[in-house]
């Protein structure tokens, strides 16, 4: 009887897809790009096909570049028919605060001119 109860709880299989987050600018919504490799119908060469899906992210835990699993659900809006299942892999964030960079101590590259050279030319 216990096995009948556990099977009754499972409603059905939902469609799942794995992809990368390409936009997280909307509130509680992410855009996930799913890439699949299929042979060309005529030439049989393997090509990449991409699809974008709008997914609901209640906790706003996904960021751009993360690999996520999305699960099919009821329509939530005109475009959203998926919800975020889990974040499989977080992306590496490499942002630097503008205040953390000191312009006086940075090294000049060979192609750029120093501030002193520019100011000395103006004086003479």
PDB file of N, CA and C in Angstrom:
ATOM      1  N   UNK A   1       0.806  -1.187   0.000  1.00  0.00           N
ATOM      2  CA  UNK A   1       0.000   0.000   0.000  1.00  0.00           C
ATOM      3  C   UNK A   1       0.853   1.257   0.000  1.00  0.00           C
ATOM      4  N   UNK A   2       2.044   1.182   0.615  1.00  0.00           N
ATOM      5  CA  UNK A   2       2.925   2.356   0.691  1.00  0.00           C
ATOM      6  C   UNK A   2       3.435   2.740  -0.702  1.00  0.00           C
ATOM      7  N   UNK A   3       3.669   1.747  -1.546  1.00  0.00           N
ATOM      8  CA  UNK A   3       4.153   2.060  -2.886  1.00  0.00           C
ATOM      9  C   UNK A   3       3.063   2.736  -3.720  1.00  0.00           C
ATOM     10  N   UNK A   4       1.809   2.435  -3.459  1.00  0.00           N
ATOM     11  CA  UNK A   4       0.712   3.080  -4.182  1.00  0.00           C
ATOM     12  C   UNK A   4       0.610   4.553  -3.810  1.00  0.00           C
ATOM     13  N   UNK A   5       0.908   4.886  -2.546  1.00  0.00           N
ATOM     14  CA  UNK A   5       0.859   6.281  -2.104  1.00  0.00           C
ATOM     15  C   UNK A   5       1.958   7.118  -2.753  1.00  0.00           C
ATOM     16  N   UNK A   6       3.145   6.559  -2.894  1.00  0.00           N
ATOM     17  CA  UNK A   6       4.247   7.318  -3.488  1.00  0.00           C
ATOM     18  C   UNK A   6       4.030   7.535  -4.976  1.00  0.00           C
ATOM     19  N   UNK A   7       3.419   6.576  -5.665  1.00  0.00           N
ATOM     20  CA  UNK A   7       3.157   6.766  -7.085  1.00  0.00           C
ATOM     21  C   UNK A   7       2.013   7.751  -7.313  1.00  0.00           C
ATOM     22  N   UNK A   8       1.116   7.863  -6.367  1.00  0.00           N
ATOM     23  CA  UNK A   8       0.005   8.802  -6.502  1.00  0.00           C
ATOM     24  C   UNK A   8       0.482  10.244  -6.362  1.00  0.00           C
ATOM     25  N   UNK A   9       1.549  10.470  -5.589  1.00  0.00           N
ATOM     26  CA  UNK A   9       2.078  11.822  -5.403  1.00  0.00           C
ATOM     27  C   UNK A   9       2.739  12.350  -6.671  1.00  0.00           C
ATOM     28  N   UNK A  10       3.346  11.459  -7.429  1.00  0.00           N
ATOM     29  CA  UNK A  10       4.017  11.889  -8.653  1.00  0.00           C
ATOM     30  C   UNK A  10       2.964  12.115  -9.733  1.00  0.00           C
ATOM     31  N   UNK A  11       2.815  13.359 -10.166  1.00  0.00           N
ATOM     32  CA  UNK A  11       1.752  13.723 -11.099  1.00  0.00           C
ATOM     33  C   UNK A  11       2.096  13.293 -12.515  1.00  0.00           C
ATOM     34  N   UNK A  12       3.310  13.501 -12.923  1.00  0.00           N
ATOM     35  CA  UNK A  12       3.713  13.129 -14.272  1.00  0.00           C
ATOM     36  C   UNK A  12       5.089  13.653 -14.578  1.00  0.00           C
ATOM     37  N   UNK A  13       5.605  13.274 -15.718  1.00  0.00           N
ATOM     38  CA  UNK A  13       6.925  13.735 -16.114  1.00  0.00           C
ATOM     39  C   UNK A  13       6.807  15.105 -16.763  1.00  0.00           C
ATOM     40  N   UNK A  14       7.618  16.016 -16.311  1.00  0.00           N
ATOM     41  CA  UNK A  14       7.680  17.342 -16.905  1.00  0.00           C
ATOM     42  C   UNK A  14       8.903  17.406 -17.810  1.00  0.00           C
ATOM     43  N   UNK A  15       8.785  18.157 -18.875  1.00  0.00           N
ATOM     44  CA  UNK A  15       9.894  18.324 -19.798  1.00  0.00           C
ATOM     45  C   UNK A  15      10.981  19.161 -19.122  1.00  0.00           C
ATOM     46  N   UNK A  16      12.237  18.748 -19.235  1.00  0.00           N
ATOM     47  CA  UNK A  16      13.357  19.471 -18.639  1.00  0.00           C
ATOM     48  C   UNK A  16      14.378  19.788 -19.717  1.00  0.00           C
ATOM     49  N   UNK A  17      15.024  20.943 -19.562  1.00  0.00           N
ATOM     50  CA  UNK A  17      16.080  21.338 -20.492  1.00  0.00           C
ATOM     51  C   UNK A  17      17.229  21.943 -19.688  1.00  0.00           C
ATOM     52  N   UNK A  18      18.441  21.830 -20.218  1.00  0.00           N
ATOM     53  CA  UNK A  18      19.626  22.398 -19.592  1.00  0.00           C
ATOM     54  C   UNK A  18      20.213  23.424 -20.551  1.00  0.00           C
ATOM     55  N   UNK A  19      20.501  24.622 -20.035  1.00  0.00           N
ATOM     56  CA  UNK A  19      21.049  25.669 -20.883  1.00  0.00           C
ATOM     57  C   UNK A  19      21.764  26.727 -20.076  1.00  0.00           C
ATOM     58  N   UNK A  20      22.192  27.776 -20.768  1.00  0.00           N
ATOM     59  CA  UNK A  20      22.922  28.866 -20.133  1.00  0.00           C
ATOM     60  C   UNK A  20      22.047  30.097 -20.035  1.00  0.00           C
ATOM     61  N   UNK A  21      22.179  30.830 -18.928  1.00  0.00           N
ATOM     62  CA  UNK A  21      21.430  32.068 -18.732  1.00  0.00           C
ATOM     63  C   UNK A  21      22.099  33.160 -19.562  1.00  0.00           C
ATOM     64  N   UNK A  22      21.327  33.804 -20.444  1.00  0.00           N
ATOM     65  CA  UNK A  22      21.869  34.874 -21.268  1.00  0.00           C
ATOM     66  C   UNK A  22      21.374  36.243 -20.814  1.00  0.00           C
ATOM     67  N   UNK A  23      20.318  36.284 -19.999  1.00  0.00           N
ATOM     68  CA  UNK A  23      19.827  37.554 -19.475  1.00  0.00           C
ATOM     69  C   UNK A  23      19.134  37.310 -18.147  1.00  0.00           C
ATOM     70  N   UNK A  24      19.436  38.181 -17.178  1.00  0.00           N
ATOM     71  CA  UNK A  24      18.783  38.118 -15.869  1.00  0.00           C
ATOM     72  C   UNK A  24      18.387  39.522 -15.434  1.00  0.00           C
ATOM     73  N   UNK A  25      18.068  40.389 -16.386  1.00  0.00           N
ATOM     74  CA  UNK A  25      17.771  41.788 -16.078  1.00  0.00           C
ATOM     75  C   UNK A  25      16.335  42.005 -15.625  1.00  0.00           C
ATOM     76  N   UNK A  26      15.447  41.082 -15.944  1.00  0.00           N
ATOM     77  CA  UNK A  26      14.049  41.246 -15.559  1.00  0.00           C
ATOM     78  C   UNK A  26      13.828  40.741 -14.142  1.00  0.00           C
ATOM     79  N   UNK A  27      12.771  41.218 -13.508  1.00  0.00           N
ATOM     80  CA  UNK A  27      12.461  40.808 -12.149  1.00  0.00           C
ATOM     81  C   UNK A  27      11.853  39.416 -12.163  1.00  0.00           C
ATOM     82  N   UNK A  28      12.484  38.484 -11.449  1.00  0.00           N
ATOM     83  CA  UNK A  28      12.034  37.099 -11.307  1.00  0.00           C
ATOM     84  C   UNK A  28      11.916  36.355 -12.638  1.00  0.00           C
ATOM     85  N   UNK A  29      12.629  36.814 -13.657  1.00  0.00           N
ATOM     86  CA  UNK A  29      12.609  36.157 -14.960  1.00  0.00           C
ATOM     87  C   UNK A  29      14.023  36.067 -15.509  1.00  0.00           C
ATOM     88  N   UNK A  30      14.367  34.917 -16.058  1.00  0.00           N
ATOM     89  CA  UNK A  30      15.655  34.739 -16.717  1.00  0.00           C
ATOM     90  C   UNK A  30      15.395  34.243 -18.142  1.00  0.00           C
ATOM     91  N   UNK A  31      16.344  34.508 -19.025  1.00  0.00           N
ATOM     92  CA  UNK A  31      16.289  33.995 -20.389  1.00  0.00           C
ATOM     93  C   UNK A  31      17.379  32.940 -20.499  1.00  0.00           C
ATOM     94  N   UNK A  32      16.974  31.731 -20.869  1.00  0.00           N
ATOM     95  CA  UNK A  32      17.897  30.600 -20.947  1.00  0.00           C
ATOM     96  C   UNK A  32      18.028  30.178 -22.401  1.00  0.00           C
ATOM     97  N   UNK A  33      19.278  30.044 -22.850  1.00  0.00           N
ATOM     98  CA  UNK A  33      19.543  29.591 -24.207  1.00  0.00           C
ATOM     99  C   UNK A  33      19.943  28.119 -24.169  1.00  0.00           C
ATOM    100  N   UNK A  34      19.166  27.300 -24.862  1.00  0.00           N
ATOM    101  CA  UNK A  34      19.417  25.858 -24.912  1.00  0.00           C
ATOM    102  C   UNK A  34      20.009  25.537 -26.275  1.00  0.00           C
ATOM    103  N   UNK A  35      21.169  24.888 -26.284  1.00  0.00           N
ATOM    104  CA  UNK A  35      21.849  24.519 -27.519  1.00  0.00           C
ATOM    105  C   UNK A  35      21.754  23.010 -27.694  1.00  0.00           C
ATOM    106  N   UNK A  36      21.388  22.592 -28.907  1.00  0.00           N
ATOM    107  CA  UNK A  36      21.361  21.165 -29.204  1.00  0.00           C
ATOM    108  C   UNK A  36      22.074  20.921 -30.528  1.00  0.00           C
ATOM    109  N   UNK A  37      22.729  19.772 -30.633  1.00  0.00           N
ATOM    110  CA  UNK A  37      23.498  19.429 -31.825  1.00  0.00           C
ATOM    111  C   UNK A  37      22.701  18.415 -32.629  1.00  0.00           C
ATOM    112  N   UNK A  38      22.380  18.772 -33.868  1.00  0.00           N
ATOM    113  CA  UNK A  38      21.590  17.895 -34.732  1.00  0.00           C
ATOM    114  C   UNK A  38      22.252  17.815 -36.105  1.00  0.00           C
ATOM    115  N   UNK A  39      22.080  16.715 -36.811  1.00  0.00           N
ATOM    116  CA  UNK A  39      22.622  16.645 -38.173  1.00  0.00           C
ATOM    117  C   UNK A  39      21.763  17.458 -39.143  1.00  0.00           C
ATOM    118  N   UNK A  40      22.422  18.076 -40.099  1.00  0.00           N
ATOM    119  CA  UNK A  40      21.706  18.820 -41.136  1.00  0.00           C
ATOM    120  C   UNK A  40      20.849  17.833 -41.924  1.00  0.00           C
ATOM    121  N   UNK A  41      19.593  18.187 -42.255  1.00  0.00           N
ATOM    122  CA  UNK A  41      18.711  17.215 -42.917  1.00  0.00           C
ATOM    123  C   UNK A  41      19.222  16.724 -44.268  1.00  0.00           C
ATOM    124  N   UNK A  42      19.932  17.586 -44.998  1.00  0.00           N
ATOM    125  CA  UNK A  42      20.381  17.185 -46.330  1.00  0.00           C
ATOM    126  C   UNK A  42      21.854  16.784 -46.351  1.00  0.00           C
ATOM    127  N   UNK A  43      22.703  17.579 -45.687  1.00  0.00           N
ATOM    128  CA  UNK A  43      24.145  17.362 -45.774  1.00  0.00           C
ATOM    129  C   UNK A  43      24.704  16.495 -44.658  1.00  0.00           C
ATOM    130  N   UNK A  44      23.922  16.224 -43.643  1.00  0.00           N
ATOM    131  CA  UNK A  44      24.293  15.350 -42.513  1.00  0.00           C
ATOM    132  C   UNK A  44      25.461  15.878 -41.683  1.00  0.00           C
ATOM    133  N   UNK A  45      25.804  17.137 -41.846  1.00  0.00           N
ATOM    134  CA  UNK A  45      26.848  17.734 -41.019  1.00  0.00           C
ATOM    135  C   UNK A  45      26.224  18.149 -39.696  1.00  0.00           C
ATOM    136  N   UNK A  46      26.938  17.957 -38.586  1.00  0.00           N
ATOM    137  CA  UNK A  46      26.419  18.302 -37.267  1.00  0.00           C
ATOM    138  C   UNK A  46      26.426  19.831 -37.125  1.00  0.00           C
ATOM    139  N   UNK A  47      25.274  20.399 -36.792  1.00  0.00           N
ATOM    140  CA  UNK A  47      25.158  21.845 -36.590  1.00  0.00           C
ATOM    141  C   UNK A  47      24.526  22.107 -35.226  1.00  0.00           C
ATOM    142  N   UNK A  48      24.768  23.306 -34.716  1.00  0.00           N
ATOM    143  CA  UNK A  48      24.188  23.699 -33.437  1.00  0.00           C
ATOM    144  C   UNK A  48      22.913  24.494 -33.671  1.00  0.00           C
ATOM    145  N   UNK A  49      21.859  24.112 -32.993  1.00  0.00           N
ATOM    146  CA  UNK A  49      20.606  24.860 -33.033  1.00  0.00           C
ATOM    147  C   UNK A  49      20.359  25.406 -31.645  1.00  0.00           C
ATOM    148  N   UNK A  50      19.935  26.686 -31.600  1.00  0.00           N
ATOM    149  CA  UNK A  50      19.731  27.340 -30.312  1.00  0.00           C
ATOM    150  C   UNK A  50      18.276  27.771 -30.182  1.00  0.00           C
ATOM    151  N   UNK A  51      17.772  27.688 -28.961  1.00  0.00           N
ATOM    152  CA  UNK A  51      16.431  28.167 -28.641  1.00  0.00           C
ATOM    153  C   UNK A  51      16.504  28.943 -27.335  1.00  0.00           C
ATOM    154  N   UNK A  52      15.715  30.015 -27.235  1.00  0.00           N
ATOM    155  CA  UNK A  52      15.674  30.807 -26.007  1.00  0.00           C
ATOM    156  C   UNK A  52      14.345  30.570 -25.312  1.00  0.00           C
ATOM    157  N   UNK A  53      14.411  30.396 -24.007  1.00  0.00           N
ATOM    158  CA  UNK A  53      13.227  30.177 -23.194  1.00  0.00           C
ATOM    159  C   UNK A  53      13.213  31.177 -22.039  1.00  0.00           C
ATOM    160  N   UNK A  54      12.040  31.736 -21.765  1.00  0.00           N
ATOM    161  CA  UNK A  54      11.856  32.593 -20.604  1.00  0.00           C
ATOM    162  C   UNK A  54      11.455  31.694 -19.445  1.00  0.00           C
ATOM    163  N   UNK A  55      12.145  31.831 -18.313  1.00  0.00           N
ATOM    164  CA  UNK A  55      11.880  30.977 -17.158  1.00  0.00           C
ATOM    165  C   UNK A  55      11.676  31.821 -15.911  1.00  0.00           C
ATOM    166  N   UNK A  56      10.848  31.317 -14.998  1.00  0.00           N
ATOM    167  CA  UNK A  56      10.539  32.014 -13.746  1.00  0.00           C
ATOM    168  C   UNK A  56      11.590  31.654 -12.707  1.00  0.00           C
ATOM    169  N   UNK A  57      12.202  32.683 -12.114  1.00  0.00           N
ATOM    170  CA  UNK A  57      13.234  32.509 -11.077  1.00  0.00           C
ATOM    171  C   UNK A  57      12.761  33.245  -9.831  1.00  0.00           C
ATOM    172  N   UNK A  58      12.087  32.526  -8.943  1.00  0.00           N
ATOM    173  CA  UNK A  58      11.447  33.149  -7.779  1.00  0.00           C
ATOM    174  C   UNK A  58      12.450  33.826  -6.852  1.00  0.00           C
ATOM    175  N   UNK A  59      13.572  33.169  -6.530  1.00  0.00           N
ATOM    176  CA  UNK A  59      14.556  33.726  -5.594  1.00  0.00           C
ATOM    177  C   UNK A  59      15.577  34.623  -6.281  1.00  0.00           C
ATOM    178  N   UNK A  60      15.536  34.737  -7.583  1.00  0.00           N
ATOM    179  CA  UNK A  60      16.510  35.489  -8.374  1.00  0.00           C
ATOM    180  C   UNK A  60      17.926  35.027  -8.063  1.00  0.00           C
ATOM    181  N   UNK A  61      18.115  33.693  -8.091  1.00  0.00           N
ATOM    182  CA  UNK A  61      19.410  33.109  -7.736  1.00  0.00           C
ATOM    183  C   UNK A  61      20.316  32.904  -8.941  1.00  0.00           C
ATOM    184  N   UNK A  62      19.780  32.950 -10.152  1.00  0.00           N
ATOM    185  CA  UNK A  62      20.592  32.710 -11.349  1.00  0.00           C
ATOM    186  C   UNK A  62      21.136  34.027 -11.896  1.00  0.00           C
ATOM    187  N   UNK A  63      22.369  33.987 -12.356  1.00  0.00           N
ATOM    188  CA  UNK A  63      23.024  35.140 -12.970  1.00  0.00           C
ATOM    189  C   UNK A  63      23.423  34.794 -14.397  1.00  0.00           C
ATOM    190  N   UNK A  64      23.854  35.801 -15.138  1.00  0.00           N
ATOM    191  CA  UNK A  64      24.258  35.595 -16.527  1.00  0.00           C
ATOM    192  C   UNK A  64      25.463  34.653 -16.570  1.00  0.00           C
ATOM    193  N   UNK A  65      25.409  33.666 -17.458  1.00  0.00           N
ATOM    194  CA  UNK A  65      26.504  32.718 -17.615  1.00  0.00           C
ATOM    195  C   UNK A  65      26.325  31.429 -16.839  1.00  0.00           C
ATOM    196  N   UNK A  66      25.389  31.379 -15.902  1.00  0.00           N
ATOM    197  CA  UNK A  66      25.161  30.158 -15.130  1.00  0.00           C
ATOM    198  C   UNK A  66      24.552  29.076 -16.012  1.00  0.00           C
ATOM    199  N   UNK A  67      24.900  27.832 -15.723  1.00  0.00           N
ATOM    200  CA  UNK A  67      24.260  26.699 -16.378  1.00  0.00           C
ATOM    201  C   UNK A  67      23.133  26.236 -15.476  1.00  0.00           C
ATOM    202  N   UNK A  68      21.909  26.184 -16.018  1.00  0.00           N
ATOM    203  CA  UNK A  68      20.728  25.900 -15.201  1.00  0.00           C
ATOM    204  C   UNK A  68      19.878  24.809 -15.843  1.00  0.00           C
ATOM    205  N   UNK A  69      19.024  24.209 -15.005  1.00  0.00           N
ATOM    206  CA  UNK A  69      18.024  23.257 -15.490  1.00  0.00           C
ATOM    207  C   UNK A  69      16.665  23.940 -15.341  1.00  0.00           C
ATOM    208  N   UNK A  70      15.891  23.960 -16.432  1.00  0.00           N
ATOM    209  CA  UNK A  70      14.556  24.543 -16.377  1.00  0.00           C
ATOM    210  C   UNK A  70      13.532  23.430 -16.571  1.00  0.00           C
ATOM    211  N   UNK A  71      12.367  23.601 -15.925  1.00  0.00           N
ATOM    212  CA  UNK A  71      11.320  22.585 -15.930  1.00  0.00           C
ATOM    213  C   UNK A  71      10.043  23.210 -16.479  1.00  0.00           C
ATOM    214  N   UNK A  72       9.364  22.465 -17.311  1.00  0.00           N
ATOM    215  CA  UNK A  72       8.124  22.938 -17.910  1.00  0.00           C
ATOM    216  C   UNK A  72       7.047  23.107 -16.835  1.00  0.00           C
ATOM    217  N   UNK A  73       6.228  24.155 -16.960  1.00  0.00           N
ATOM    218  CA  UNK A  73       5.156  24.393 -16.002  1.00  0.00           C
ATOM    219  C   UNK A  73       3.992  25.085 -16.711  1.00  0.00           C
ATOM    220  N   UNK A  74       2.988  25.447 -15.956  1.00  0.00           N
ATOM    221  CA  UNK A  74       1.830  26.123 -16.536  1.00  0.00           C
ATOM    222  C   UNK A  74       2.247  27.500 -17.037  1.00  0.00           C
ATOM    223  N   UNK A  75       1.527  28.084 -17.980  1.00  0.00           N
ATOM    224  CA  UNK A  75       1.878  29.427 -18.457  1.00  0.00           C
ATOM    225  C   UNK A  75       1.760  30.470 -17.348  1.00  0.00           C
ATOM    226  N   UNK A  76       2.816  31.242 -17.147  1.00  0.00           N
ATOM    227  CA  UNK A  76       2.812  32.287 -16.124  1.00  0.00           C
ATOM    228  C   UNK A  76       2.599  33.660 -16.724  1.00  0.00           C
ATOM    229  N   UNK A  77       2.930  33.805 -17.998  1.00  0.00           N
ATOM    230  CA  UNK A  77       2.711  35.069 -18.702  1.00  0.00           C
ATOM    231  C   UNK A  77       2.664  34.747 -20.197  1.00  0.00           C
ATOM    232  N   UNK A  78       2.750  35.781 -21.006  1.00  0.00           N
ATOM    233  CA  UNK A  78       2.680  35.581 -22.452  1.00  0.00           C
ATOM    234  C   UNK A  78       3.823  34.701 -22.960  1.00  0.00           C
ATOM    235  N   UNK A  79       5.010  34.846 -22.379  1.00  0.00           N
ATOM    236  CA  UNK A  79       6.185  34.121 -22.858  1.00  0.00           C
ATOM    237  C   UNK A  79       6.708  33.071 -21.887  1.00  0.00           C
ATOM    238  N   UNK A  80       6.385  33.181 -20.595  1.00  0.00           N
ATOM    239  CA  UNK A  80       6.975  32.283 -19.596  1.00  0.00           C
ATOM    240  C   UNK A  80       6.163  31.008 -19.437  1.00  0.00           C
ATOM    241  N   UNK A  81       6.776  29.881 -19.821  1.00  0.00           N
ATOM    242  CA  UNK A  81       6.172  28.570 -19.629  1.00  0.00           C
ATOM    243  C   UNK A  81       7.129  27.601 -18.931  1.00  0.00           C
ATOM    244  N   UNK A  82       8.199  28.130 -18.365  1.00  0.00           N
ATOM    245  CA  UNK A  82       9.225  27.325 -17.706  1.00  0.00           C
ATOM    246  C   UNK A  82       9.538  27.942 -16.350  1.00  0.00           C
ATOM    247  N   UNK A  83      10.058  27.109 -15.436  1.00  0.00           N
ATOM    248  CA  UNK A  83      10.528  27.616 -14.147  1.00  0.00           C
ATOM    249  C   UNK A  83      11.924  27.056 -13.891  1.00  0.00           C
ATOM    250  N   UNK A  84      12.671  27.779 -13.081  1.00  0.00           N
ATOM    251  CA  UNK A  84      14.039  27.361 -12.765  1.00  0.00           C
ATOM    252  C   UNK A  84      13.998  26.155 -11.846  1.00  0.00           C
ATOM    253  N   UNK A  85      14.635  25.068 -12.263  1.00  0.00           N
ATOM    254  CA  UNK A  85      14.711  23.876 -11.430  1.00  0.00           C
ATOM    255  C   UNK A  85      15.873  23.979 -10.459  1.00  0.00           C
ATOM    256  N   UNK A  86      17.078  24.161 -10.996  1.00  0.00           N
ATOM    257  CA  UNK A  86      18.270  24.293 -10.159  1.00  0.00           C
ATOM    258  C   UNK A  86      19.387  24.934 -10.970  1.00  0.00           C
ATOM    259  N   UNK A  87      20.319  25.518 -10.244  1.00  0.00           N
ATOM    260  CA  UNK A  87      21.523  26.072 -10.867  1.00  0.00           C
ATOM    261  C   UNK A  87      22.574  24.976 -10.819  1.00  0.00           C
ATOM    262  N   UNK A  88      22.980  24.492 -11.971  1.00  0.00           N
ATOM    263  CA  UNK A  88      23.941  23.396 -12.034  1.00  0.00           C
ATOM    264  C   UNK A  88      25.370  23.869 -11.830  1.00  0.00           C
ATOM    265  N   UNK A  89      25.725  24.997 -12.452  1.00  0.00           N
ATOM    266  CA  UNK A  89      27.081  25.524 -12.330  1.00  0.00           C
ATOM    267  C   UNK A  89      27.039  27.040 -12.376  1.00  0.00           C
ATOM    268  N   UNK A  90      27.657  27.666 -11.387  1.00  0.00           N
ATOM    269  CA  UNK A  90      27.718  29.120 -11.338  1.00  0.00           C
ATOM    270  C   UNK A  90      28.819  29.614 -12.259  1.00  0.00           C
ATOM    271  N   UNK A  91      28.576  30.766 -12.898  1.00  0.00           N
ATOM    272  CA  UNK A  91      29.573  31.369 -13.770  1.00  0.00           C
ATOM    273  C   UNK A  91      30.581  32.147 -12.943  1.00  0.00           C
ATOM    274  N   UNK A  92      31.775  32.304 -13.488  1.00  0.00           N
ATOM    275  CA  UNK A  92      32.816  33.078 -12.819  1.00  0.00           C
ATOM    276  C   UNK A  92      32.538  34.553 -13.087  1.00  0.00           C
ATOM    277  N   UNK A  93      32.400  35.334 -12.027  1.00  0.00           N
ATOM    278  CA  UNK A  93      32.139  36.763 -12.157  1.00  0.00           C
ATOM    279  C   UNK A  93      33.474  37.503 -12.072  1.00  0.00           C
ATOM    280  N   UNK A  94      33.803  38.288 -13.086  1.00  0.00           N
ATOM    281  CA  UNK A  94      35.088  38.984 -13.142  1.00  0.00           C
ATOM    282  C   UNK A  94      34.887  40.495 -13.247  1.00  0.00           C
ATOM    283  N   UNK A  95      34.025  41.028 -12.442  1.00  0.00           N
ATOM    284  CA  UNK A  95      33.779  42.471 -12.462  1.00  0.00           C
ATOM    285  C   UNK A  95      34.704  43.158 -11.462  1.00  0.00           C
ATOM    286  N   UNK A  96      35.185  44.352 -11.822  1.00  0.00           N
ATOM    287  CA  UNK A  96      36.051  45.136 -10.953  1.00  0.00           C
ATOM    288  C   UNK A  96      35.357  46.459 -10.678  1.00  0.00           C
ATOM    289  N   UNK A  97      35.346  46.851  -9.407  1.00  0.00           N
ATOM    290  CA  UNK A  97      34.756  48.136  -9.057  1.00  0.00           C
ATOM    291  C   UNK A  97      35.617  49.261  -9.605  1.00  0.00           C
ATOM    292  N   UNK A  98      35.010  50.331 -10.125  1.00  0.00           N
ATOM    293  CA  UNK A  98      35.815  51.442 -10.647  1.00  0.00           C
ATOM    294  C   UNK A  98      36.669  52.105  -9.566  1.00  0.00           C
ATOM    295  N   UNK A  99      36.219  52.134  -8.333  1.00  0.00           N
ATOM    296  CA  UNK A  99      36.991  52.741  -7.253  1.00  0.00           C
ATOM    297  C   UNK A  99      38.199  51.920  -6.839  1.00  0.00           C
ATOM    298  N   UNK A 100      38.199  50.618  -7.150  1.00  0.00           N
ATOM    299  CA  UNK A 100      39.301  49.747  -6.757  1.00  0.00           C
ATOM    300  C   UNK A 100      40.523  49.928  -7.650  1.00  0.00           C
ATOM    301  N   UNK A 101      40.349  50.487  -8.820  1.00  0.00           N
ATOM    302  CA  UNK A 101      41.457  50.678  -9.751  1.00  0.00           C
ATOM    303  C   UNK A 101      42.053  52.064  -9.531  1.00  0.00           C
ATOM    304  N   UNK A 102      43.351  52.111  -9.216  1.00  0.00           N
ATOM    305  CA  UNK A 102      44.040  53.380  -9.017  1.00  0.00           C
ATOM    306  C   UNK A 102      44.750  53.735 -10.323  1.00  0.00           C
ATOM    307  N   UNK A 103      44.343  54.818 -10.932  1.00  0.00           N
ATOM    308  CA  UNK A 103      44.899  55.188 -12.228  1.00  0.00           C
ATOM    309  C   UNK A 103      46.338  55.659 -12.139  1.00  0.00           C
ATOM    310  N   UNK A 104      46.775  56.169 -11.004  1.00  0.00           N
ATOM    311  CA  UNK A 104      48.145  56.666 -10.847  1.00  0.00           C
ATOM    312  C   UNK A 104      49.159  55.522 -10.777  1.00  0.00           C
ATOM    313  N   UNK A 105      48.755  54.375 -10.230  1.00  0.00           N
ATOM    314  CA  UNK A 105      49.705  53.280 -10.052  1.00  0.00           C
ATOM    315  C   UNK A 105      49.658  52.259 -11.181  1.00  0.00           C
ATOM    316  N   UNK A 106      48.752  52.384 -12.114  1.00  0.00           N
ATOM    317  CA  UNK A 106      48.695  51.420 -13.213  1.00  0.00           C
ATOM    318  C   UNK A 106      49.840  51.654 -14.180  1.00  0.00           C
ATOM    319  N   UNK A 107      50.331  50.585 -14.780  1.00  0.00           N
ATOM    320  CA  UNK A 107      51.426  50.697 -15.726  1.00  0.00           C
ATOM    321  C   UNK A 107      50.911  51.140 -17.079  1.00  0.00           C
ATOM    322  N   UNK A 108      51.702  51.937 -17.749  1.00  0.00           N
ATOM    323  CA  UNK A 108      51.348  52.373 -19.086  1.00  0.00           C
ATOM    324  C   UNK A 108      51.749  51.298 -20.079  1.00  0.00           C
ATOM    325  N   UNK A 109      50.925  51.068 -21.076  1.00  0.00           N
ATOM    326  CA  UNK A 109      51.269  50.106 -22.113  1.00  0.00           C
ATOM    327  C   UNK A 109      52.185  50.779 -23.124  1.00  0.00           C
ATOM    328  N   UNK A 110      52.817  50.012 -23.966  1.00  0.00           N
ATOM    329  CA  UNK A 110      53.797  50.567 -24.903  1.00  0.00           C
ATOM    330  C   UNK A 110      53.148  51.493 -25.923  1.00  0.00           C
ATOM    331  N   UNK A 111      51.880  51.280 -26.245  1.00  0.00           N
ATOM    332  CA  UNK A 111      51.229  52.096 -27.256  1.00  0.00           C
ATOM    333  C   UNK A 111      50.659  53.397 -26.718  1.00  0.00           C
ATOM    334  N   UNK A 112      50.465  53.496 -25.411  1.00  0.00           N
ATOM    335  CA  UNK A 112      49.836  54.693 -24.865  1.00  0.00           C
ATOM    336  C   UNK A 112      50.896  55.686 -24.401  1.00  0.00           C
ATOM    337  N   UNK A 113      50.542  56.928 -24.391  1.00  0.00           N
ATOM    338  CA  UNK A 113      51.461  57.973 -23.955  1.00  0.00           C
ATOM    339  C   UNK A 113      51.174  58.318 -22.506  1.00  0.00           C
ATOM    340  N   UNK A 114      52.204  58.647 -21.775  1.00  0.00           N
ATOM    341  CA  UNK A 114      52.029  58.967 -20.367  1.00  0.00           C
ATOM    342  C   UNK A 114      51.443  60.359 -20.208  1.00  0.00           C
ATOM    343  N   UNK A 115      50.935  60.635 -19.019  1.00  0.00           N
ATOM    344  CA  UNK A 115      50.358  61.944 -18.727  1.00  0.00           C
ATOM    345  C   UNK A 115      51.432  63.032 -18.760  1.00  0.00           C
ATOM    346  N   UNK A 116      52.638  62.708 -18.304  1.00  0.00           N
ATOM    347  CA  UNK A 116      53.719  63.695 -18.275  1.00  0.00           C
ATOM    348  C   UNK A 116      54.101  64.156 -19.692  1.00  0.00           C
ATOM    349  N   UNK A 117      54.150  63.218 -20.628  1.00  0.00           N
ATOM    350  CA  UNK A 117      54.521  63.552 -22.002  1.00  0.00           C
ATOM    351  C   UNK A 117      53.484  64.480 -22.619  1.00  0.00           C
ATOM    352  N   UNK A 118      52.209  64.257 -22.317  1.00  0.00           N
ATOM    353  CA  UNK A 118      51.149  65.092 -22.860  1.00  0.00           C
ATOM    354  C   UNK A 118      51.212  66.505 -22.275  1.00  0.00           C
ATOM    355  N   UNK A 119      51.457  66.609 -20.961  1.00  0.00           N
ATOM    356  CA  UNK A 119      51.480  67.927 -20.318  1.00  0.00           C
ATOM    357  C   UNK A 119      52.737  68.696 -20.681  1.00  0.00           C
ATOM    358  N   UNK A 120      53.871  68.015 -20.859  1.00  0.00           N
ATOM    359  CA  UNK A 120      55.119  68.711 -21.208  1.00  0.00           C
ATOM    360  C   UNK A 120      55.047  69.269 -22.631  1.00  0.00           C
ATOM    361  N   UNK A 121      54.375  68.605 -23.519  1.00  0.00           N
ATOM    362  CA  UNK A 121      54.246  69.089 -24.883  1.00  0.00           C
ATOM    363  C   UNK A 121      53.386  70.356 -24.934  1.00  0.00           C
ATOM    364  N   UNK A 122      52.416  70.445 -24.096  1.00  0.00           N
ATOM    365  CA  UNK A 122      51.546  71.613 -24.090  1.00  0.00           C
ATOM    366  C   UNK A 122      52.261  72.853 -23.569  1.00  0.00           C
ATOM    367  N   UNK A 123      53.170  72.670 -22.604  1.00  0.00           N
ATOM    368  CA  UNK A 123      53.878  73.805 -21.995  1.00  0.00           C
ATOM    369  C   UNK A 123      54.855  74.446 -22.964  1.00  0.00           C
ATOM    370  N   UNK A 124      55.512  73.664 -23.792  1.00  0.00           N
ATOM    371  CA  UNK A 124      56.533  74.227 -24.676  1.00  0.00           C
ATOM    372  C   UNK A 124      56.010  74.695 -26.001  1.00  0.00           C
TER     373      UNK A 124
END
